[in-house]
PDB file of N, CA and C in Angstrom:
ATOM      1  N   MET A   1     -11.572 -33.083  74.411  1.00  0.00           N
ATOM      2  CA  MET A   1     -10.805 -31.986  73.730  1.00  0.00           C
ATOM      3  C   MET A   1     -11.302 -32.684  72.350  1.00  0.00           C
ATOM      4  N   PRO A   2     -11.963 -31.870  71.018  1.00  0.00           N
ATOM      5  CA  PRO A   2     -12.363 -32.193  69.895  1.00  0.00           C
ATOM      6  C   PRO A   2     -11.496 -33.110  68.803  1.00  0.00           C
ATOM      7  N   ASP A   3     -11.651 -34.618  68.476  1.00  0.00           N
ATOM      8  CA  ASP A   3     -10.378 -34.941  67.737  1.00  0.00           C
ATOM      9  C   ASP A   3     -10.292 -33.629  66.649  1.00  0.00           C
ATOM     10  N   ASP A   4     -10.830 -32.399  65.442  1.00  0.00           N
ATOM     11  CA  ASP A   4     -10.412 -32.227  64.516  1.00  0.00           C
ATOM     12  C   ASP A   4      -9.344 -30.598  65.546  1.00  0.00           C
ATOM     13  N   LEU A   5      -9.189 -30.909  66.301  1.00  0.00           N
ATOM     14  CA  LEU A   5      -8.272 -29.680  66.872  1.00  0.00           C
ATOM     15  C   LEU A   5      -6.884 -30.024  66.148  1.00  0.00           C
ATOM     16  N   PRO A   6      -6.644 -29.365  65.775  1.00  0.00           N
ATOM     17  CA  PRO A   6      -4.462 -28.728  65.001  1.00  0.00           C
ATOM     18  C   PRO A   6      -4.204 -28.718  65.889  1.00  0.00           C
ATOM     19  N   LEU A   7      -3.386 -29.823  65.299  1.00  0.00           N
ATOM     20  CA  LEU A   7      -2.083 -30.395  66.022  1.00  0.00           C
ATOM     21  C   LEU A   7      -0.802 -29.054  66.495  1.00  0.00           C
ATOM     22  N   TRP A   8      -1.213 -28.092  65.663  1.00  0.00           N
ATOM     23  CA  TRP A   8      -0.106 -26.932  65.758  1.00  0.00           C
ATOM     24  C   TRP A   8      -0.951 -26.621  67.493  1.00  0.00           C
ATOM     25  N   ILE A   9      -1.911 -26.531  67.188  1.00  0.00           N
ATOM     26  CA  ILE A   9      -2.736 -25.907  68.775  1.00  0.00           C
ATOM     27  C   ILE A   9      -2.550 -26.532  69.850  1.00  0.00           C
ATOM     28  N   GLN A  10      -2.720 -27.928  69.366  1.00  0.00           N
ATOM     29  CA  GLN A  10      -2.104 -28.780  70.848  1.00  0.00           C
ATOM     30  C   GLN A  10      -0.685 -28.574  71.471  1.00  0.00           C
ATOM     31  N   GLN A  11       0.550 -28.698  69.792  1.00  0.00           N
ATOM     32  CA  GLN A  11       1.817 -28.186  69.848  1.00  0.00           C
ATOM     33  C   GLN A  11       1.773 -27.799  71.493  1.00  0.00           C
ATOM     34  N   HIS A  12       1.518 -26.313  70.561  1.00  0.00           N
ATOM     35  CA  HIS A  12       1.525 -25.035  71.890  1.00  0.00           C
ATOM     36  C   HIS A  12       0.684 -25.470  72.820  1.00  0.00           C
ATOM     37  N   ARG A  13      -0.515 -26.247  73.655  1.00  0.00           N
ATOM     38  CA  ARG A  13      -0.841 -26.624  74.659  1.00  0.00           C
ATOM     39  C   ARG A  13      -0.077 -27.279  75.518  1.00  0.00           C
ATOM     40  N   TRP A  14       0.880 -28.203  74.346  1.00  0.00           N
ATOM     41  CA  TRP A  14       1.595 -29.215  75.453  1.00  0.00           C
ATOM     42  C   TRP A  14       3.086 -29.101  76.163  1.00  0.00           C
ATOM     43  N   ALA A  15       2.998 -27.338  75.292  1.00  0.00           N
ATOM     44  CA  ALA A  15       4.420 -26.299  75.466  1.00  0.00           C
ATOM     45  C   ALA A  15       4.157 -25.658  76.636  1.00  0.00           C
ATOM     46  N   VAL A  16       3.165 -25.265  76.251  1.00  0.00           N
ATOM     47  CA  VAL A  16       2.815 -24.307  77.855  1.00  0.00           C
ATOM     48  C   VAL A  16       2.247 -25.244  79.209  1.00  0.00           C
ATOM     49  N   GLY A  17       2.177 -26.351  79.248  1.00  0.00           N
ATOM     50  CA  GLY A  17       1.638 -26.724  80.686  1.00  0.00           C
ATOM     51  C   GLY A  17       2.656 -27.672  80.322  1.00  0.00           C
ATOM     52  N   HIS A  18       3.658 -27.384  79.943  1.00  0.00           N
ATOM     53  CA  HIS A  18       5.372 -28.294  80.181  1.00  0.00           C
ATOM     54  C   HIS A  18       6.409 -27.074  81.143  1.00  0.00           C
ATOM     55  N   ARG A  19       5.711 -25.443  80.562  1.00  0.00           N
ATOM     56  CA  ARG A  19       6.607 -24.948  80.893  1.00  0.00           C
ATOM     57  C   ARG A  19       5.871 -24.550  82.187  1.00  0.00           C
ATOM     58  N   LEU A  20       4.622 -24.485  82.962  1.00  0.00           N
ATOM     59  CA  LEU A  20       3.861 -24.260  83.591  1.00  0.00           C
ATOM     60  C   LEU A  20       3.616 -25.353  85.082  1.00  0.00           C
ATOM     61  N   ARG A  21       4.040 -26.814  84.870  1.00  0.00           N
ATOM     62  CA  ARG A  21       4.784 -27.991  85.271  1.00  0.00           C
ATOM     63  C   ARG A  21       6.463 -27.036  86.131  1.00  0.00           C
ATOM     64  N   ALA A  22       6.814 -26.781  85.480  1.00  0.00           N
ATOM     65  CA  ALA A  22       8.734 -26.457  85.411  1.00  0.00           C
ATOM     66  C   ALA A  22       7.894 -25.515  86.012  1.00  0.00           C
ATOM     67  N   LEU A  23       8.009 -24.415  86.178  1.00  0.00           N
ATOM     68  CA  LEU A  23       7.639 -23.843  87.149  1.00  0.00           C
ATOM     69  C   LEU A  23       6.797 -23.294  88.046  1.00  0.00           C
ATOM     70  N   ARG A  24       6.053 -24.422  88.375  1.00  0.00           N
ATOM     71  CA  ARG A  24       5.289 -25.504  89.452  1.00  0.00           C
ATOM     72  C   ARG A  24       6.096 -25.432  90.525  1.00  0.00           C
ATOM     73  N   HIS A  25       6.746 -26.764  89.962  1.00  0.00           N
ATOM     74  CA  HIS A  25       7.692 -27.399  90.386  1.00  0.00           C
ATOM     75  C   HIS A  25       9.532 -26.930  91.111  1.00  0.00           C
ATOM     76  N   GLU A  26       9.243 -25.716  90.121  1.00  0.00           N
ATOM     77  CA  GLU A  26      10.620 -25.296  90.593  1.00  0.00           C
ATOM     78  C   GLU A  26      10.741 -24.515  92.312  1.00  0.00           C
ATOM     79  N   ARG A  27       9.175 -23.986  92.282  1.00  0.00           N
ATOM     80  CA  ARG A  27       8.838 -23.628  93.785  1.00  0.00           C
ATOM     81  C   ARG A  27       8.104 -23.975  94.293  1.00  0.00           C
ATOM     82  N   GLY A  28       8.245 -25.578  93.766  1.00  0.00           N
ATOM     83  CA  GLY A  28       7.852 -25.909  94.957  1.00  0.00           C
ATOM     84  C   GLY A  28       6.094 -26.358  95.491  1.00  0.00           C
ATOM     85  N   LEU A  29       5.275 -25.681  94.727  1.00  0.00           N
ATOM     86  CA  LEU A  29       4.243 -25.960  94.416  1.00  0.00           C
ATOM     87  C   LEU A  29       2.957 -26.984  94.455  1.00  0.00           C
ATOM     88  N   THR A  30       2.217 -27.605  94.617  1.00  0.00           N
ATOM     89  CA  THR A  30       0.657 -28.970  94.896  1.00  0.00           C
ATOM     90  C   THR A  30       0.622 -27.681  93.677  1.00  0.00           C
ATOM     91  N   GLN A  31       0.165 -28.587  92.641  1.00  0.00           N
ATOM     92  CA  GLN A  31      -1.143 -28.178  91.815  1.00  0.00           C
ATOM     93  C   GLN A  31      -2.505 -27.724  92.450  1.00  0.00           C
ATOM     94  N   ILE A  32      -2.130 -27.980  94.009  1.00  0.00           N
ATOM     95  CA  ILE A  32      -3.797 -27.649  95.402  1.00  0.00           C
ATOM     96  C   ILE A  32      -3.914 -26.795  95.524  1.00  0.00           C
ATOM     97  N   GLN A  33      -2.100 -25.688  95.961  1.00  0.00           N
ATOM     98  CA  GLN A  33      -1.414 -24.870  96.534  1.00  0.00           C
ATOM     99  C   GLN A  33      -1.490 -23.658  95.461  1.00  0.00           C
ATOM    100  N   LEU A  34      -1.685 -24.378  93.566  1.00  0.00           N
ATOM    101  CA  LEU A  34      -1.131 -22.983  92.548  1.00  0.00           C
ATOM    102  C   LEU A  34      -2.523 -22.367  92.604  1.00  0.00           C
ATOM    103  N   GLY A  35      -3.515 -23.948  93.299  1.00  0.00           N
ATOM    104  CA  GLY A  35      -5.157 -23.334  93.066  1.00  0.00           C
ATOM    105  C   GLY A  35      -5.489 -22.741  93.884  1.00  0.00           C
ATOM    106  N   THR A  36      -4.746 -22.712  95.308  1.00  0.00           N
ATOM    107  CA  THR A  36      -5.292 -21.762  96.362  1.00  0.00           C
ATOM    108  C   THR A  36      -4.985 -20.635  95.279  1.00  0.00           C
ATOM    109  N   LEU A  37      -4.143 -20.275  95.055  1.00  0.00           N
ATOM    110  CA  LEU A  37      -3.296 -18.612  94.563  1.00  0.00           C
ATOM    111  C   LEU A  37      -3.871 -18.028  94.233  1.00  0.00           C
ATOM    112  N   THR A  38      -3.920 -18.962  93.465  1.00  0.00           N
ATOM    113  CA  THR A  38      -5.351 -18.361  91.976  1.00  0.00           C
ATOM    114  C   THR A  38      -6.346 -18.555  91.280  1.00  0.00           C
ATOM    115  N   GLY A  39      -6.637 -18.848  92.317  1.00  0.00           N
ATOM    116  CA  GLY A  39      -8.445 -19.097  92.259  1.00  0.00           C
ATOM    117  C   GLY A  39      -9.050 -20.448  91.123  1.00  0.00           C
ATOM    118  N   ILE A  40      -8.179 -21.102  90.517  1.00  0.00           N
ATOM    119  CA  ILE A  40      -8.160 -21.946  89.535  1.00  0.00           C
ATOM    120  C   ILE A  40      -8.296 -23.580  89.857  1.00  0.00           C
ATOM    121  N   ASP A  41      -9.408 -23.944  89.082  1.00  0.00           N
ATOM    122  CA  ASP A  41      -9.611 -25.074  90.336  1.00  0.00           C
ATOM    123  C   ASP A  41      -8.072 -26.473  89.501  1.00  0.00           C
ATOM    124  N   SER A  42      -7.666 -27.351  91.033  1.00  0.00           N
ATOM    125  CA  SER A  42      -7.142 -27.629  90.639  1.00  0.00           C
ATOM    126  C   SER A  42      -6.465 -28.844  89.505  1.00  0.00           C
ATOM    127  N   LYS A  43      -7.770 -29.482  89.743  1.00  0.00           N
ATOM    128  CA  LYS A  43      -8.676 -30.398  88.872  1.00  0.00           C
ATOM    129  C   LYS A  43      -7.680 -28.852  86.822  1.00  0.00           C
ATOM    130  N   THR A  44      -8.188 -28.543  87.115  1.00  0.00           N
ATOM    131  CA  THR A  44      -8.052 -27.456  85.621  1.00  0.00           C
ATOM    132  C   THR A  44      -6.347 -27.433  85.782  1.00  0.00           C
ATOM    133  N   ILE A  45      -5.816 -26.930  86.368  1.00  0.00           N
ATOM    134  CA  ILE A  45      -4.060 -27.181  86.480  1.00  0.00           C
ATOM    135  C   ILE A  45      -3.491 -28.118  85.881  1.00  0.00           C
ATOM    136  N   SER A  46      -4.795 -29.371  86.546  1.00  0.00           N
ATOM    137  CA  SER A  46      -3.631 -30.686  86.114  1.00  0.00           C
ATOM    138  C   SER A  46      -4.286 -30.231  84.531  1.00  0.00           C
ATOM    139  N   ARG A  47      -5.383 -30.487  83.884  1.00  0.00           N
ATOM    140  CA  ARG A  47      -5.480 -30.755  82.540  1.00  0.00           C
ATOM    141  C   ARG A  47      -4.733 -29.195  81.459  1.00  0.00           C
ATOM    142  N   ILE A  48      -4.046 -28.017  82.433  1.00  0.00           N
ATOM    143  CA  ILE A  48      -3.927 -27.298  81.557  1.00  0.00           C
ATOM    144  C   ILE A  48      -2.239 -28.166  81.355  1.00  0.00           C
ATOM    145  N   GLU A  49      -1.797 -28.623  82.019  1.00  0.00           N
ATOM    146  CA  GLU A  49      -0.175 -28.983  82.470  1.00  0.00           C
ATOM    147  C   GLU A  49      -0.125 -30.067  81.705  1.00  0.00           C
ATOM    148  N   ASN A  50      -1.615 -30.703  81.303  1.00  0.00           N
ATOM    149  CA  ASN A  50      -1.135 -31.937  80.864  1.00  0.00           C
ATOM    150  C   ASN A  50      -1.581 -31.623  79.157  1.00  0.00           C
ATOM    151  N   GLY A  51      -1.741 -30.189  78.275  1.00  0.00           N
ATOM    152  CA  GLY A  51      -2.271 -29.523  77.156  1.00  0.00           C
ATOM    153  C   GLY A  51      -3.746 -30.535  77.321  1.00  0.00           C
ATOM    154  N   ARG A  52      -4.369 -30.557  77.836  1.00  0.00           N
ATOM    155  CA  ARG A  52      -6.491 -31.065  77.259  1.00  0.00           C
ATOM    156  C   ARG A  52      -6.860 -29.625  78.068  1.00  0.00           C
ATOM    157  N   HIS A  53      -6.620 -28.319  78.189  1.00  0.00           N
ATOM    158  CA  HIS A  53      -7.662 -27.176  78.642  1.00  0.00           C
ATOM    159  C   HIS A  53      -7.092 -26.358  77.401  1.00  0.00           C
ATOM    160  N   PRO A  54      -8.169 -25.303  76.890  1.00  0.00           N
ATOM    161  CA  PRO A  54      -8.047 -24.337  76.350  1.00  0.00           C
ATOM    162  C   PRO A  54      -8.069 -22.973  77.502  1.00  0.00           C
ATOM    163  N   THR A  55      -6.345 -22.904  78.290  1.00  0.00           N
ATOM    164  CA  THR A  55      -6.760 -21.719  78.840  1.00  0.00           C
ATOM    165  C   THR A  55      -6.349 -20.706  78.215  1.00  0.00           C
ATOM    166  N   SER A  56      -7.616 -19.792  78.780  1.00  0.00           N
ATOM    167  CA  SER A  56      -8.025 -18.068  78.858  1.00  0.00           C
ATOM    168  C   SER A  56      -6.858 -17.686  79.467  1.00  0.00           C
ATOM    169  N   ILE A  57      -6.982 -15.914  78.500  1.00  0.00           N
ATOM    170  CA  ILE A  57      -5.665 -14.759  78.989  1.00  0.00           C
ATOM    171  C   ILE A  57      -5.577 -15.033  80.599  1.00  0.00           C
ATOM    172  N   ASP A  58      -6.739 -15.637  81.762  1.00  0.00           N
ATOM    173  CA  ASP A  58      -6.673 -14.630  82.522  1.00  0.00           C
ATOM    174  C   ASP A  58      -6.490 -15.737  83.467  1.00  0.00           C
ATOM    175  N   GLN A  59      -6.662 -17.224  83.095  1.00  0.00           N
ATOM    176  CA  GLN A  59      -5.936 -17.938  83.442  1.00  0.00           C
ATOM    177  C   GLN A  59      -4.444 -17.719  83.605  1.00  0.00           C
ATOM    178  N   ILE A  60      -3.456 -17.221  82.085  1.00  0.00           N
ATOM    179  CA  ILE A  60      -2.758 -17.282  82.629  1.00  0.00           C
ATOM    180  C   ILE A  60      -1.916 -16.431  83.046  1.00  0.00           C
ATOM    181  N   ALA A  61      -2.434 -15.332  82.932  1.00  0.00           N
ATOM    182  CA  ALA A  61      -2.096 -13.908  84.185  1.00  0.00           C
ATOM    183  C   ALA A  61      -2.365 -14.737  85.679  1.00  0.00           C
ATOM    184  N   ARG A  62      -2.962 -14.898  85.638  1.00  0.00           N
ATOM    185  CA  ARG A  62      -3.142 -15.258  87.293  1.00  0.00           C
ATOM    186  C   ARG A  62      -1.885 -16.313  87.644  1.00  0.00           C
ATOM    187  N   LEU A  63      -1.967 -16.884  86.699  1.00  0.00           N
ATOM    188  CA  LEU A  63      -0.280 -18.369  87.562  1.00  0.00           C
ATOM    189  C   LEU A  63       0.269 -17.994  87.025  1.00  0.00           C
ATOM    190  N   ALA A  64       0.676 -16.811  86.315  1.00  0.00           N
ATOM    191  CA  ALA A  64       2.263 -16.266  86.065  1.00  0.00           C
ATOM    192  C   ALA A  64       2.450 -14.978  87.278  1.00  0.00           C
ATOM    193  N   ARG A  65       0.604 -15.010  88.016  1.00  0.00           N
ATOM    194  CA  ARG A  65       1.193 -13.606  89.148  1.00  0.00           C
ATOM    195  C   ARG A  65       2.367 -14.651  89.977  1.00  0.00           C
ATOM    196  N   ALA A  66       0.759 -15.783  90.563  1.00  0.00           N
ATOM    197  CA  ALA A  66       1.288 -17.338  91.558  1.00  0.00           C
ATOM    198  C   ALA A  66       2.155 -17.520  91.207  1.00  0.00           C
ATOM    199  N   LEU A  67       3.318 -17.611  90.391  1.00  0.00           N
ATOM    200  CA  LEU A  67       4.704 -18.343  90.112  1.00  0.00           C
ATOM    201  C   LEU A  67       5.716 -17.296  89.890  1.00  0.00           C
ATOM    202  N   ASP A  68       5.375 -15.750  90.023  1.00  0.00           N
ATOM    203  CA  ASP A  68       6.284 -15.077  90.061  1.00  0.00           C
ATOM    204  C   ASP A  68       7.286 -14.183  89.002  1.00  0.00           C
ATOM    205  N   VAL A  69       6.316 -15.311  87.768  1.00  0.00           N
ATOM    206  CA  VAL A  69       7.052 -14.509  86.605  1.00  0.00           C
ATOM    207  C   VAL A  69       6.671 -13.794  85.584  1.00  0.00           C
ATOM    208  N   PRO A  70       6.894 -13.354  84.522  1.00  0.00           N
ATOM    209  CA  PRO A  70       5.953 -13.056  83.196  1.00  0.00           C
ATOM    210  C   PRO A  70       5.134 -13.523  82.696  1.00  0.00           C
ATOM    211  N   SER A  71       4.280 -13.373  82.377  1.00  0.00           N
ATOM    212  CA  SER A  71       2.498 -13.788  81.585  1.00  0.00           C
ATOM    213  C   SER A  71       3.769 -14.828  80.038  1.00  0.00           C
ATOM    214  N   HIS A  72       4.840 -14.035  79.339  1.00  0.00           N
ATOM    215  CA  HIS A  72       5.111 -14.856  77.821  1.00  0.00           C
ATOM    216  C   HIS A  72       6.685 -15.977  79.162  1.00  0.00           C
ATOM    217  N   ARG A  73       6.975 -15.562  79.765  1.00  0.00           N
ATOM    218  CA  ARG A  73       7.398 -17.348  80.659  1.00  0.00           C
ATOM    219  C   ARG A  73       6.805 -19.152  79.928  1.00  0.00           C
ATOM    220  N   LEU A  74       5.666 -18.587  80.116  1.00  0.00           N
ATOM    221  CA  LEU A  74       4.703 -19.405  80.093  1.00  0.00           C
ATOM    222  C   LEU A  74       4.438 -20.123  78.325  1.00  0.00           C
ATOM    223  N   PHE A  75       4.568 -19.324  78.078  1.00  0.00           N
ATOM    224  CA  PHE A  75       5.045 -19.131  76.199  1.00  0.00           C
ATOM    225  C   PHE A  75       6.466 -19.981  75.715  1.00  0.00           C
ATOM    226  N   HIS A  76       7.670 -19.072  76.311  1.00  0.00           N
ATOM    227  CA  HIS A  76       8.405 -19.203  75.515  1.00  0.00           C
ATOM    228  C   HIS A  76       8.877 -19.841  77.194  1.00  0.00           C
ATOM    229  N   ASP A  77      10.127 -20.045  77.078  1.00  0.00           N
ATOM    230  CA  ASP A  77      11.800 -20.915  77.578  1.00  0.00           C
ATOM    231  C   ASP A  77      12.555 -19.842  78.408  1.00  0.00           C
ATOM    232  N   GLY A  78      13.160 -19.509  78.918  1.00  0.00           N
ATOM    233  CA  GLY A  78      13.837 -18.219  79.071  1.00  0.00           C
ATOM    234  C   GLY A  78      13.068 -16.928  80.082  1.00  0.00           C
ATOM    235  N   PRO A  79      14.293 -15.715  79.675  1.00  0.00           N
ATOM    236  CA  PRO A  79      14.380 -14.354  80.895  1.00  0.00           C
ATOM    237  C   PRO A  79      12.337 -14.144  81.080  1.00  0.00           C
TER     238      PRO A  79
END
């Protein structure tokens, strides 16, 4: 992760990662299982959950679909 990354971007990455981890746990999935469902490497899922990966909209869409939630749930808590 670049040292010059603005704090506000890092905060968004942490928030998305936190929500991803919470949703994954709610569904009783491991990172490996979620990776299998999405085609995203489990190490990449770990990096997303820890706020260390610049997540693409394609990855967000795959994750949301596998977790059976609208994509916006990875950005905002609630319905």
